Amino acid sequence: MKENDRRRSLLSVLAEELAIAVSDELEQAFRTHHRLVFRTAYRITGNAADAEDVLQTVFLRLVRRGTATYAVENIVENQESYLRRAAINAALDVVRSRQANPTAELHDLPVEIAQDDAGDLRRALGRALAQLKPRAAEIFTLRFLEGFSNPEIAHMLGISQVLVAVIVHRTRQQLRKELGSYLGDKS
């Protein structure tokens, strides 16, 4: 294939991507819930840039599911719950990918020790959450980072309150073990 043919193919693919018509329903879902998705992602990643990537990923996945209208209509009954869960899963993917491809952070200015400790704890919690099974990480995030009660989580996920309580308990035990050094080895 000639270089010009490859360029035309690439350009035609890009033009098709840009030509996707975003439905009014998807636009309304974005306007209504983009803060929720960003906030949820930020709580997990601890990083505004990563949270922006998660926000973009969540809504691009809706667009790419076929037609945007179809995707939004299928989640219209519980958009908030669906988008929160999608943000949690995408944010956990970001944390996991960071572990697989670690990067060094550059600090321009000295930071107080207490802030470093909090940042270290946040990163350690992110790594520990990334090691959990997806359902456990999702429930833990909904419970302790998003502030939902066990009955609310059970309703959102379509599972029993008892199962939510068991998963929360087991997840807390596992996280205590993994974060023992930050908790003063009280576990």
N, C-alpha and C. Protein backbone atom coordinates (compact mmCIF):
# COMPACT_ATOMS: atom_id res chain seq x y z
N MET A 1 0.84 -1.17 0.00
CA MET A 1 0.00 0.00 0.00
C MET A 1 0.89 1.24 0.00
N LYS A 2 0.57 2.19 -0.84
CA LYS A 2 1.34 3.42 -0.93
C LYS A 2 1.05 4.32 0.27
N GLU A 3 2.01 5.20 0.54
CA GLU A 3 1.88 6.13 1.67
C GLU A 3 0.63 6.99 1.53
N ASN A 4 0.34 7.46 0.30
CA ASN A 4 -0.84 8.30 0.08
C ASN A 4 -2.13 7.53 0.35
N ASP A 5 -2.15 6.24 -0.02
CA ASP A 5 -3.33 5.42 0.22
C ASP A 5 -3.55 5.24 1.73
N ARG A 6 -2.46 5.03 2.46
CA ARG A 6 -2.57 4.89 3.92
C ARG A 6 -3.07 6.18 4.54
N ARG A 7 -2.57 7.30 4.05
CA ARG A 7 -3.02 8.59 4.58
C ARG A 7 -4.50 8.79 4.30
N ARG A 8 -4.92 8.46 3.09
CA ARG A 8 -6.35 8.62 2.77
C ARG A 8 -7.19 7.71 3.64
N SER A 9 -6.73 6.51 3.87
CA SER A 9 -7.48 5.59 4.73
C SER A 9 -7.56 6.14 6.14
N LEU A 10 -6.44 6.62 6.65
CA LEU A 10 -6.42 7.18 7.99
C LEU A 10 -7.31 8.40 8.07
N LEU A 11 -7.22 9.25 7.06
CA LEU A 11 -8.07 10.45 7.05
C LEU A 11 -9.54 10.10 6.96
N SER A 12 -9.87 9.09 6.16
CA SER A 12 -11.28 8.70 6.07
C SER A 12 -11.79 8.13 7.39
N VAL A 13 -10.94 7.38 8.08
CA VAL A 13 -11.33 6.84 9.39
C VAL A 13 -11.53 7.97 10.38
N LEU A 14 -10.60 8.92 10.40
CA LEU A 14 -10.74 10.05 11.30
C LEU A 14 -11.98 10.87 10.99
N ALA A 15 -12.26 11.05 9.69
CA ALA A 15 -13.44 11.81 9.31
C ALA A 15 -14.71 11.11 9.78
N GLU A 16 -14.73 9.78 9.70
CA GLU A 16 -15.90 9.03 10.18
C GLU A 16 -16.06 9.20 11.68
N GLU A 17 -14.95 9.15 12.41
CA GLU A 17 -15.00 9.32 13.87
C GLU A 17 -15.57 10.70 14.21
N LEU A 18 -15.10 11.72 13.49
CA LEU A 18 -15.57 13.08 13.78
C LEU A 18 -17.00 13.30 13.33
N ALA A 19 -17.45 12.51 12.38
CA ALA A 19 -18.79 12.68 11.85
C ALA A 19 -19.86 12.04 12.71
N ILE A 20 -19.46 11.33 13.76
CA ILE A 20 -20.46 10.70 14.63
C ILE A 20 -21.32 11.80 15.24
N ALA A 21 -22.57 11.71 15.01
CA ALA A 21 -23.47 12.72 15.54
C ALA A 21 -23.79 12.40 16.99
N VAL A 22 -23.46 13.31 17.86
CA VAL A 22 -23.75 13.12 19.28
C VAL A 22 -25.20 13.50 19.50
N SER A 23 -25.93 12.55 20.03
CA SER A 23 -27.36 12.77 20.22
C SER A 23 -27.62 13.78 21.33
N ASP A 24 -28.82 14.34 21.31
CA ASP A 24 -29.22 15.27 22.35
C ASP A 24 -29.23 14.57 23.71
N GLU A 25 -29.62 13.29 23.72
CA GLU A 25 -29.67 12.54 24.97
C GLU A 25 -28.28 12.38 25.57
N LEU A 26 -27.30 12.08 24.72
CA LEU A 26 -25.93 11.93 25.21
C LEU A 26 -25.38 13.26 25.69
N GLU A 27 -25.67 14.31 24.95
CA GLU A 27 -25.21 15.63 25.36
C GLU A 27 -25.82 16.02 26.71
N GLN A 28 -27.09 15.73 26.88
CA GLN A 28 -27.76 16.03 28.14
C GLN A 28 -27.18 15.19 29.28
N ALA A 29 -26.89 13.93 29.01
CA ALA A 29 -26.28 13.06 30.03
C ALA A 29 -24.92 13.61 30.43
N PHE A 30 -24.16 14.08 29.45
CA PHE A 30 -22.85 14.66 29.76
C PHE A 30 -22.99 15.91 30.62
N ARG A 31 -23.88 16.80 30.20
CA ARG A 31 -24.06 18.05 30.95
C ARG A 31 -24.51 17.77 32.39
N THR A 32 -25.36 16.78 32.53
CA THR A 32 -25.92 16.48 33.84
C THR A 32 -24.92 15.76 34.74
N HIS A 33 -24.12 14.86 34.18
CA HIS A 33 -23.33 13.95 35.00
C HIS A 33 -21.81 14.07 34.87
N HIS A 34 -21.30 15.01 34.09
CA HIS A 34 -19.84 15.06 33.91
C HIS A 34 -19.11 15.35 35.21
N ARG A 35 -19.70 16.16 36.08
CA ARG A 35 -19.05 16.45 37.37
C ARG A 35 -18.99 15.19 38.24
N LEU A 36 -20.06 14.42 38.23
CA LEU A 36 -20.11 13.17 38.99
C LEU A 36 -19.02 12.21 38.52
N VAL A 37 -18.89 12.05 37.22
CA VAL A 37 -17.89 11.14 36.66
C VAL A 37 -16.48 11.63 37.01
N PHE A 38 -16.24 12.91 36.86
CA PHE A 38 -14.92 13.47 37.17
C PHE A 38 -14.60 13.29 38.65
N ARG A 39 -15.54 13.66 39.52
CA ARG A 39 -15.32 13.57 40.96
C ARG A 39 -15.04 12.12 41.39
N THR A 40 -15.80 11.19 40.86
CA THR A 40 -15.60 9.79 41.18
C THR A 40 -14.22 9.33 40.75
N ALA A 41 -13.83 9.68 39.55
CA ALA A 41 -12.52 9.29 39.03
C ALA A 41 -11.40 9.95 39.83
N TYR A 42 -11.58 11.21 40.19
CA TYR A 42 -10.55 11.93 40.94
C TYR A 42 -10.32 11.30 42.31
N ARG A 43 -11.39 10.86 42.94
CA ARG A 43 -11.25 10.24 44.26
C ARG A 43 -10.44 8.96 44.20
N ILE A 44 -10.50 8.28 43.08
CA ILE A 44 -9.74 7.02 42.95
C ILE A 44 -8.33 7.29 42.47
N THR A 45 -8.18 8.12 41.46
CA THR A 45 -6.86 8.34 40.86
C THR A 45 -6.04 9.36 41.63
N GLY A 46 -6.69 10.31 42.29
CA GLY A 46 -5.99 11.35 43.00
C GLY A 46 -5.28 12.33 42.08
N ASN A 47 -5.71 12.36 40.83
CA ASN A 47 -5.01 13.15 39.83
C ASN A 47 -6.04 13.73 38.86
N ALA A 48 -6.04 15.05 38.69
CA ALA A 48 -7.03 15.70 37.83
C ALA A 48 -6.87 15.29 36.37
N ALA A 49 -5.63 15.13 35.92
CA ALA A 49 -5.41 14.75 34.51
C ALA A 49 -5.97 13.34 34.25
N ASP A 50 -5.72 12.43 35.18
CA ASP A 50 -6.26 11.07 35.02
C ASP A 50 -7.78 11.08 35.10
N ALA A 51 -8.33 11.91 35.98
CA ALA A 51 -9.78 12.00 36.10
C ALA A 51 -10.40 12.53 34.80
N GLU A 52 -9.73 13.48 34.16
CA GLU A 52 -10.20 13.98 32.86
C GLU A 52 -10.17 12.87 31.81
N ASP A 53 -9.10 12.08 31.83
CA ASP A 53 -9.01 10.95 30.89
C ASP A 53 -10.15 9.96 31.12
N VAL A 54 -10.46 9.71 32.38
CA VAL A 54 -11.56 8.79 32.70
C VAL A 54 -12.88 9.37 32.21
N LEU A 55 -13.09 10.65 32.44
CA LEU A 55 -14.31 11.31 31.98
C LEU A 55 -14.48 11.14 30.47
N GLN A 56 -13.41 11.40 29.75
CA GLN A 56 -13.44 11.26 28.31
C GLN A 56 -13.69 9.80 27.90
N THR A 57 -13.03 8.89 28.56
CA THR A 57 -13.17 7.46 28.24
C THR A 57 -14.61 6.99 28.43
N VAL A 58 -15.21 7.37 29.54
CA VAL A 58 -16.57 6.93 29.84
C VAL A 58 -17.54 7.38 28.76
N PHE A 59 -17.46 8.65 28.36
CA PHE A 59 -18.42 9.15 27.38
C PHE A 59 -18.07 8.70 25.96
N LEU A 60 -16.80 8.51 25.66
CA LEU A 60 -16.44 7.97 24.34
C LEU A 60 -16.92 6.54 24.19
N ARG A 61 -16.88 5.78 25.27
CA ARG A 61 -17.39 4.40 25.21
C ARG A 61 -18.88 4.39 24.88
N LEU A 62 -19.60 5.36 25.42
CA LEU A 62 -21.03 5.45 25.08
C LEU A 62 -21.22 5.76 23.60
N VAL A 63 -20.42 6.67 23.09
CA VAL A 63 -20.54 7.06 21.68
C VAL A 63 -20.20 5.87 20.78
N ARG A 64 -19.20 5.11 21.16
CA ARG A 64 -18.72 4.03 20.30
C ARG A 64 -19.52 2.74 20.43
N ARG A 65 -20.49 2.70 21.30
CA ARG A 65 -21.29 1.49 21.48
C ARG A 65 -22.21 1.22 20.30
N GLY A 66 -22.16 1.96 19.31
CA GLY A 66 -23.09 1.84 18.20
C GLY A 66 -23.58 3.23 17.95
N THR A 67 -24.84 3.42 18.17
CA THR A 67 -25.35 4.78 18.08
C THR A 67 -25.44 5.34 19.48
N ALA A 68 -25.10 6.57 19.62
CA ALA A 68 -25.10 7.21 20.92
C ALA A 68 -26.50 7.22 21.54
N THR A 69 -27.52 7.43 20.71
CA THR A 69 -28.88 7.45 21.21
C THR A 69 -29.24 6.12 21.83
N TYR A 70 -28.88 5.01 21.16
CA TYR A 70 -29.16 3.68 21.68
C TYR A 70 -28.49 3.47 23.03
N ALA A 71 -27.23 3.88 23.14
CA ALA A 71 -26.48 3.69 24.38
C ALA A 71 -27.12 4.47 25.52
N VAL A 72 -27.50 5.71 25.27
CA VAL A 72 -28.10 6.52 26.32
C VAL A 72 -29.48 6.01 26.68
N GLU A 73 -30.27 5.63 25.70
CA GLU A 73 -31.60 5.13 25.99
C GLU A 73 -31.55 3.88 26.86
N ASN A 74 -30.52 3.06 26.69
CA ASN A 74 -30.42 1.83 27.47
C ASN A 74 -29.98 2.08 28.90
N ILE A 75 -29.44 3.23 29.21
CA ILE A 75 -29.05 3.52 30.59
C ILE A 75 -29.90 4.63 31.19
N VAL A 76 -30.90 5.09 30.45
CA VAL A 76 -31.68 6.24 30.87
C VAL A 76 -32.36 6.04 32.23
N GLU A 77 -32.74 4.82 32.57
CA GLU A 77 -33.42 4.58 33.82
C GLU A 77 -32.54 4.90 35.01
N ASN A 78 -31.26 4.62 34.91
CA ASN A 78 -30.38 4.85 36.03
C ASN A 78 -29.03 5.36 35.54
N GLN A 79 -29.05 6.48 34.85
CA GLN A 79 -27.84 7.05 34.28
C GLN A 79 -26.77 7.30 35.34
N GLU A 80 -27.17 7.88 36.44
CA GLU A 80 -26.20 8.25 37.47
C GLU A 80 -25.46 7.02 37.98
N SER A 81 -26.18 5.97 38.28
CA SER A 81 -25.56 4.74 38.78
C SER A 81 -24.65 4.13 37.73
N TYR A 82 -25.12 4.07 36.49
CA TYR A 82 -24.32 3.48 35.41
C TYR A 82 -23.02 4.27 35.21
N LEU A 83 -23.14 5.59 35.15
CA LEU A 83 -21.96 6.43 34.89
C LEU A 83 -20.99 6.40 36.06
N ARG A 84 -21.50 6.33 37.28
CA ARG A 84 -20.62 6.22 38.44
C ARG A 84 -19.83 4.91 38.38
N ARG A 85 -20.53 3.82 38.08
CA ARG A 85 -19.86 2.53 37.99
C ARG A 85 -18.85 2.51 36.85
N ALA A 86 -19.21 3.11 35.74
CA ALA A 86 -18.29 3.18 34.60
C ALA A 86 -17.05 4.00 34.98
N ALA A 87 -17.24 5.08 35.72
CA ALA A 87 -16.11 5.92 36.16
C ALA A 87 -15.21 5.15 37.12
N ILE A 88 -15.80 4.41 38.03
CA ILE A 88 -15.01 3.61 38.97
C ILE A 88 -14.16 2.60 38.21
N ASN A 89 -14.79 1.88 37.31
CA ASN A 89 -14.05 0.85 36.56
C ASN A 89 -12.96 1.45 35.69
N ALA A 90 -13.25 2.56 35.02
CA ALA A 90 -12.23 3.20 34.17
C ALA A 90 -11.10 3.77 35.03
N ALA A 91 -11.43 4.33 36.19
CA ALA A 91 -10.39 4.88 37.07
C ALA A 91 -9.50 3.76 37.61
N LEU A 92 -10.10 2.64 37.96
CA LEU A 92 -9.30 1.50 38.42
C LEU A 92 -8.39 1.00 37.30
N ASP A 93 -8.87 1.04 36.06
CA ASP A 93 -8.03 0.67 34.92
C ASP A 93 -6.82 1.60 34.83
N VAL A 94 -7.03 2.89 35.06
CA VAL A 94 -5.94 3.86 35.02
C VAL A 94 -4.92 3.55 36.12
N VAL A 95 -5.42 3.27 37.32
CA VAL A 95 -4.51 2.96 38.43
C VAL A 95 -3.72 1.69 38.13
N ARG A 96 -4.39 0.69 37.58
CA ARG A 96 -3.71 -0.56 37.24
C ARG A 96 -2.65 -0.33 36.15
N SER A 97 -2.98 0.50 35.18
CA SER A 97 -2.01 0.76 34.11
C SER A 97 -0.81 1.53 34.64
N ARG A 98 -1.03 2.40 35.63
CA ARG A 98 0.08 3.11 36.27
C ARG A 98 1.02 2.13 36.95
N GLN A 99 0.45 1.08 37.55
CA GLN A 99 1.28 0.08 38.20
C GLN A 99 2.10 -0.70 37.18
N ALA A 100 1.48 -0.97 36.05
CA ALA A 100 2.18 -1.73 35.01
C ALA A 100 3.25 -0.88 34.34
N ASN A 101 3.03 0.42 34.24
CA ASN A 101 3.97 1.35 33.61
C ASN A 101 4.26 2.49 34.57
N PRO A 102 5.06 2.26 35.61
CA PRO A 102 5.29 3.32 36.59
C PRO A 102 6.03 4.51 35.99
N THR A 103 5.67 5.69 36.48
CA THR A 103 6.33 6.91 36.06
C THR A 103 6.82 7.64 37.30
N ALA A 104 7.85 8.42 37.13
CA ALA A 104 8.38 9.21 38.24
C ALA A 104 7.71 10.56 38.25
N GLU A 105 7.27 10.99 39.42
CA GLU A 105 6.66 12.30 39.53
C GLU A 105 7.74 13.33 39.83
N LEU A 106 7.63 14.49 39.22
CA LEU A 106 8.57 15.57 39.46
C LEU A 106 7.92 16.58 40.38
N HIS A 107 8.67 16.99 41.39
CA HIS A 107 8.17 17.98 42.33
C HIS A 107 9.03 19.23 42.18
N ASP A 108 8.40 20.32 41.78
CA ASP A 108 9.13 21.56 41.59
C ASP A 108 9.42 22.26 42.91
N LEU A 109 8.47 22.19 43.82
CA LEU A 109 8.61 22.88 45.09
C LEU A 109 8.57 21.87 46.23
N PRO A 110 9.29 22.15 47.32
CA PRO A 110 9.20 21.24 48.46
C PRO A 110 7.78 21.24 49.02
N VAL A 111 7.33 20.09 49.46
CA VAL A 111 5.98 19.94 49.99
C VAL A 111 6.11 19.53 51.45
N GLU A 112 5.19 19.98 52.28
CA GLU A 112 5.23 19.61 53.69
C GLU A 112 5.14 18.11 53.85
N ILE A 113 5.75 17.60 54.90
CA ILE A 113 5.80 16.16 55.13
C ILE A 113 4.40 15.58 55.28
N ALA A 114 3.51 16.27 55.98
CA ALA A 114 2.16 15.75 56.18
C ALA A 114 1.46 15.55 54.85
N GLN A 115 1.67 16.48 53.91
CA GLN A 115 1.05 16.34 52.60
C GLN A 115 1.65 15.17 51.84
N ASP A 116 2.96 14.96 51.99
CA ASP A 116 3.60 13.81 51.35
C ASP A 116 3.03 12.51 51.89
N ASP A 117 2.85 12.45 53.22
CA ASP A 117 2.30 11.25 53.82
C ASP A 117 0.90 10.97 53.30
N ALA A 118 0.08 12.02 53.19
CA ALA A 118 -1.27 11.85 52.67
C ALA A 118 -1.23 11.40 51.21
N GLY A 119 -0.31 11.97 50.45
CA GLY A 119 -0.17 11.57 49.05
C GLY A 119 0.30 10.14 48.93
N ASP A 120 1.24 9.75 49.79
CA ASP A 120 1.72 8.37 49.79
C ASP A 120 0.59 7.41 50.16
N LEU A 121 -0.20 7.80 51.16
CA LEU A 121 -1.32 6.95 51.57
C LEU A 121 -2.33 6.83 50.43
N ARG A 122 -2.60 7.94 49.75
CA ARG A 122 -3.54 7.92 48.62
C ARG A 122 -3.03 6.98 47.52
N ARG A 123 -1.74 7.08 47.21
CA ARG A 123 -1.18 6.20 46.17
C ARG A 123 -1.21 4.73 46.62
N ALA A 124 -0.90 4.50 47.89
CA ALA A 124 -0.93 3.13 48.41
C ALA A 124 -2.35 2.57 48.38
N LEU A 125 -3.33 3.41 48.73
CA LEU A 125 -4.73 2.97 48.66
C LEU A 125 -5.12 2.68 47.21
N GLY A 126 -4.70 3.53 46.30
CA GLY A 126 -4.99 3.30 44.88
C GLY A 126 -4.39 1.99 44.39
N ARG A 127 -3.15 1.71 44.80
CA ARG A 127 -2.52 0.43 44.41
C ARG A 127 -3.26 -0.74 45.03
N ALA A 128 -3.65 -0.60 46.30
CA ALA A 128 -4.37 -1.68 46.98
C ALA A 128 -5.73 -1.91 46.34
N LEU A 129 -6.43 -0.83 45.98
CA LEU A 129 -7.73 -0.97 45.31
C LEU A 129 -7.56 -1.66 43.96
N ALA A 130 -6.49 -1.37 43.28
CA ALA A 130 -6.25 -1.97 41.96
C ALA A 130 -6.01 -3.48 42.07
N GLN A 131 -5.58 -3.94 43.24
CA GLN A 131 -5.33 -5.37 43.43
C GLN A 131 -6.61 -6.14 43.76
N LEU A 132 -7.67 -5.43 44.13
CA LEU A 132 -8.92 -6.08 44.49
C LEU A 132 -9.64 -6.61 43.26
N LYS A 133 -10.54 -7.54 43.49
CA LYS A 133 -11.43 -7.98 42.41
C LYS A 133 -12.31 -6.78 42.03
N PRO A 134 -12.70 -6.70 40.77
CA PRO A 134 -13.46 -5.52 40.31
C PRO A 134 -14.72 -5.23 41.15
N ARG A 135 -15.50 -6.25 41.48
CA ARG A 135 -16.73 -6.02 42.25
C ARG A 135 -16.40 -5.47 43.64
N ALA A 136 -15.37 -6.02 44.30
CA ALA A 136 -14.98 -5.55 45.63
C ALA A 136 -14.50 -4.10 45.57
N ALA A 137 -13.69 -3.77 44.57
CA ALA A 137 -13.19 -2.40 44.43
C ALA A 137 -14.34 -1.43 44.17
N GLU A 138 -15.28 -1.85 43.36
CA GLU A 138 -16.43 -1.01 43.04
C GLU A 138 -17.27 -0.74 44.29
N ILE A 139 -17.55 -1.79 45.05
CA ILE A 139 -18.38 -1.64 46.25
C ILE A 139 -17.65 -0.80 47.30
N PHE A 140 -16.36 -1.04 47.48
CA PHE A 140 -15.59 -0.26 48.44
C PHE A 140 -15.61 1.22 48.06
N THR A 141 -15.41 1.50 46.79
CA THR A 141 -15.41 2.89 46.31
C THR A 141 -16.76 3.55 46.53
N LEU A 142 -17.82 2.83 46.19
CA LEU A 142 -19.16 3.39 46.39
C LEU A 142 -19.43 3.67 47.87
N ARG A 143 -18.98 2.76 48.71
CA ARG A 143 -19.25 2.89 50.15
C ARG A 143 -18.40 3.97 50.81
N PHE A 144 -17.10 3.93 50.61
CA PHE A 144 -16.22 4.79 51.39
C PHE A 144 -15.71 6.04 50.66
N LEU A 145 -15.69 6.01 49.35
CA LEU A 145 -15.25 7.20 48.62
C LEU A 145 -16.43 8.02 48.11
N GLU A 146 -17.52 7.36 47.78
CA GLU A 146 -18.70 8.07 47.30
C GLU A 146 -19.74 8.28 48.39
N GLY A 147 -19.63 7.54 49.50
CA GLY A 147 -20.50 7.77 50.65
C GLY A 147 -21.88 7.16 50.58
N PHE A 148 -22.07 6.14 49.76
CA PHE A 148 -23.37 5.49 49.68
C PHE A 148 -23.52 4.47 50.79
N SER A 149 -24.75 4.25 51.22
CA SER A 149 -25.02 3.25 52.25
C SER A 149 -25.10 1.87 51.60
N ASN A 150 -25.02 0.84 52.43
CA ASN A 150 -25.12 -0.53 51.90
C ASN A 150 -26.43 -0.77 51.16
N PRO A 151 -27.59 -0.32 51.70
CA PRO A 151 -28.84 -0.52 50.94
C PRO A 151 -28.84 0.19 49.58
N GLU A 152 -28.25 1.39 49.54
CA GLU A 152 -28.19 2.12 48.26
C GLU A 152 -27.31 1.38 47.26
N ILE A 153 -26.19 0.86 47.73
CA ILE A 153 -25.28 0.11 46.85
C ILE A 153 -25.97 -1.15 46.35
N ALA A 154 -26.65 -1.84 47.26
CA ALA A 154 -27.36 -3.07 46.88
C ALA A 154 -28.38 -2.77 45.78
N HIS A 155 -29.09 -1.68 45.94
CA HIS A 155 -30.10 -1.30 44.93
C HIS A 155 -29.44 -0.97 43.59
N MET A 156 -28.34 -0.19 43.64
CA MET A 156 -27.63 0.20 42.41
C MET A 156 -27.12 -1.01 41.64
N LEU A 157 -26.58 -1.99 42.37
CA LEU A 157 -25.93 -3.12 41.73
C LEU A 157 -26.87 -4.32 41.55
N GLY A 158 -28.06 -4.24 42.11
CA GLY A 158 -29.01 -5.33 41.98
C GLY A 158 -28.59 -6.58 42.74
N ILE A 159 -28.00 -6.39 43.93
CA ILE A 159 -27.59 -7.51 44.77
C ILE A 159 -28.15 -7.29 46.17
N SER A 160 -28.03 -8.29 47.03
CA SER A 160 -28.59 -8.17 48.38
C SER A 160 -27.72 -7.30 49.27
N GLN A 161 -28.35 -6.72 50.29
CA GLN A 161 -27.62 -5.90 51.25
C GLN A 161 -26.63 -6.75 52.03
N VAL A 162 -26.99 -7.98 52.29
CA VAL A 162 -26.10 -8.88 53.02
C VAL A 162 -24.82 -9.11 52.22
N LEU A 163 -24.96 -9.33 50.92
CA LEU A 163 -23.78 -9.53 50.08
C LEU A 163 -22.90 -8.28 50.08
N VAL A 164 -23.52 -7.11 50.01
CA VAL A 164 -22.75 -5.87 50.06
C VAL A 164 -21.98 -5.79 51.38
N ALA A 165 -22.65 -6.08 52.50
CA ALA A 165 -22.01 -6.01 53.81
C ALA A 165 -20.84 -6.98 53.90
N VAL A 166 -21.01 -8.19 53.39
CA VAL A 166 -19.95 -9.19 53.42
C VAL A 166 -18.75 -8.72 52.59
N ILE A 167 -19.02 -8.23 51.39
CA ILE A 167 -17.94 -7.76 50.52
C ILE A 167 -17.22 -6.57 51.16
N VAL A 168 -17.96 -5.64 51.77
CA VAL A 168 -17.34 -4.49 52.43
C VAL A 168 -16.44 -4.97 53.56
N HIS A 169 -16.94 -5.89 54.37
CA HIS A 169 -16.16 -6.41 55.50
C HIS A 169 -14.87 -7.09 55.02
N ARG A 170 -14.98 -7.98 54.06
CA ARG A 170 -13.80 -8.69 53.55
C ARG A 170 -12.81 -7.74 52.88
N THR A 171 -13.33 -6.77 52.17
CA THR A 171 -12.47 -5.80 51.49
C THR A 171 -11.71 -4.95 52.51
N ARG A 172 -12.40 -4.53 53.56
CA ARG A 172 -11.72 -3.74 54.60
C ARG A 172 -10.61 -4.56 55.26
N GLN A 173 -10.88 -5.84 55.52
CA GLN A 173 -9.85 -6.69 56.11
C GLN A 173 -8.64 -6.81 55.19
N GLN A 174 -8.90 -7.03 53.91
CA GLN A 174 -7.81 -7.16 52.94
C GLN A 174 -7.01 -5.86 52.85
N LEU A 175 -7.70 -4.73 52.81
CA LEU A 175 -7.01 -3.44 52.72
C LEU A 175 -6.21 -3.14 53.99
N ARG A 176 -6.74 -3.54 55.13
CA ARG A 176 -5.99 -3.36 56.39
C ARG A 176 -4.67 -4.08 56.34
N LYS A 177 -4.69 -5.30 55.80
CA LYS A 177 -3.45 -6.07 55.68
C LYS A 177 -2.46 -5.37 54.75
N GLU A 178 -2.96 -4.92 53.61
CA GLU A 178 -2.09 -4.31 52.61
C GLU A 178 -1.60 -2.93 53.00
N LEU A 179 -2.38 -2.23 53.84
CA LEU A 179 -2.02 -0.86 54.24
C LEU A 179 -1.56 -0.82 55.69
N GLY A 180 -1.14 -1.96 56.23
CA GLY A 180 -0.74 -2.05 57.62
C GLY A 180 0.29 -1.02 58.03
N SER A 181 1.27 -0.75 57.19
CA SER A 181 2.33 0.20 57.55
C SER A 181 1.79 1.61 57.70
N TYR A 182 0.74 1.95 56.95
CA TYR A 182 0.15 3.29 57.07
C TYR A 182 -0.80 3.37 58.26
N LEU A 183 -1.30 2.23 58.69
CA LEU A 183 -2.23 2.21 59.81
C LEU A 183 -1.53 1.91 61.13
N GLY A 184 -0.22 1.91 61.13
CA GLY A 184 0.55 1.63 62.32
C GLY A 184 0.57 0.16 62.68
N ASP A 185 0.40 -0.71 61.67
CA ASP A 185 0.41 -2.16 61.86
C ASP A 185 -0.56 -2.61 62.94
N LYS A 186 -1.73 -1.99 62.99
CA LYS A 186 -2.77 -2.36 63.97
C LYS A 186 -3.58 -3.54 63.51
N SER A 187 -3.37 -3.99 62.29
CA SER A 187 -4.21 -5.06 61.75
C SER A 187 -3.79 -6.41 62.28
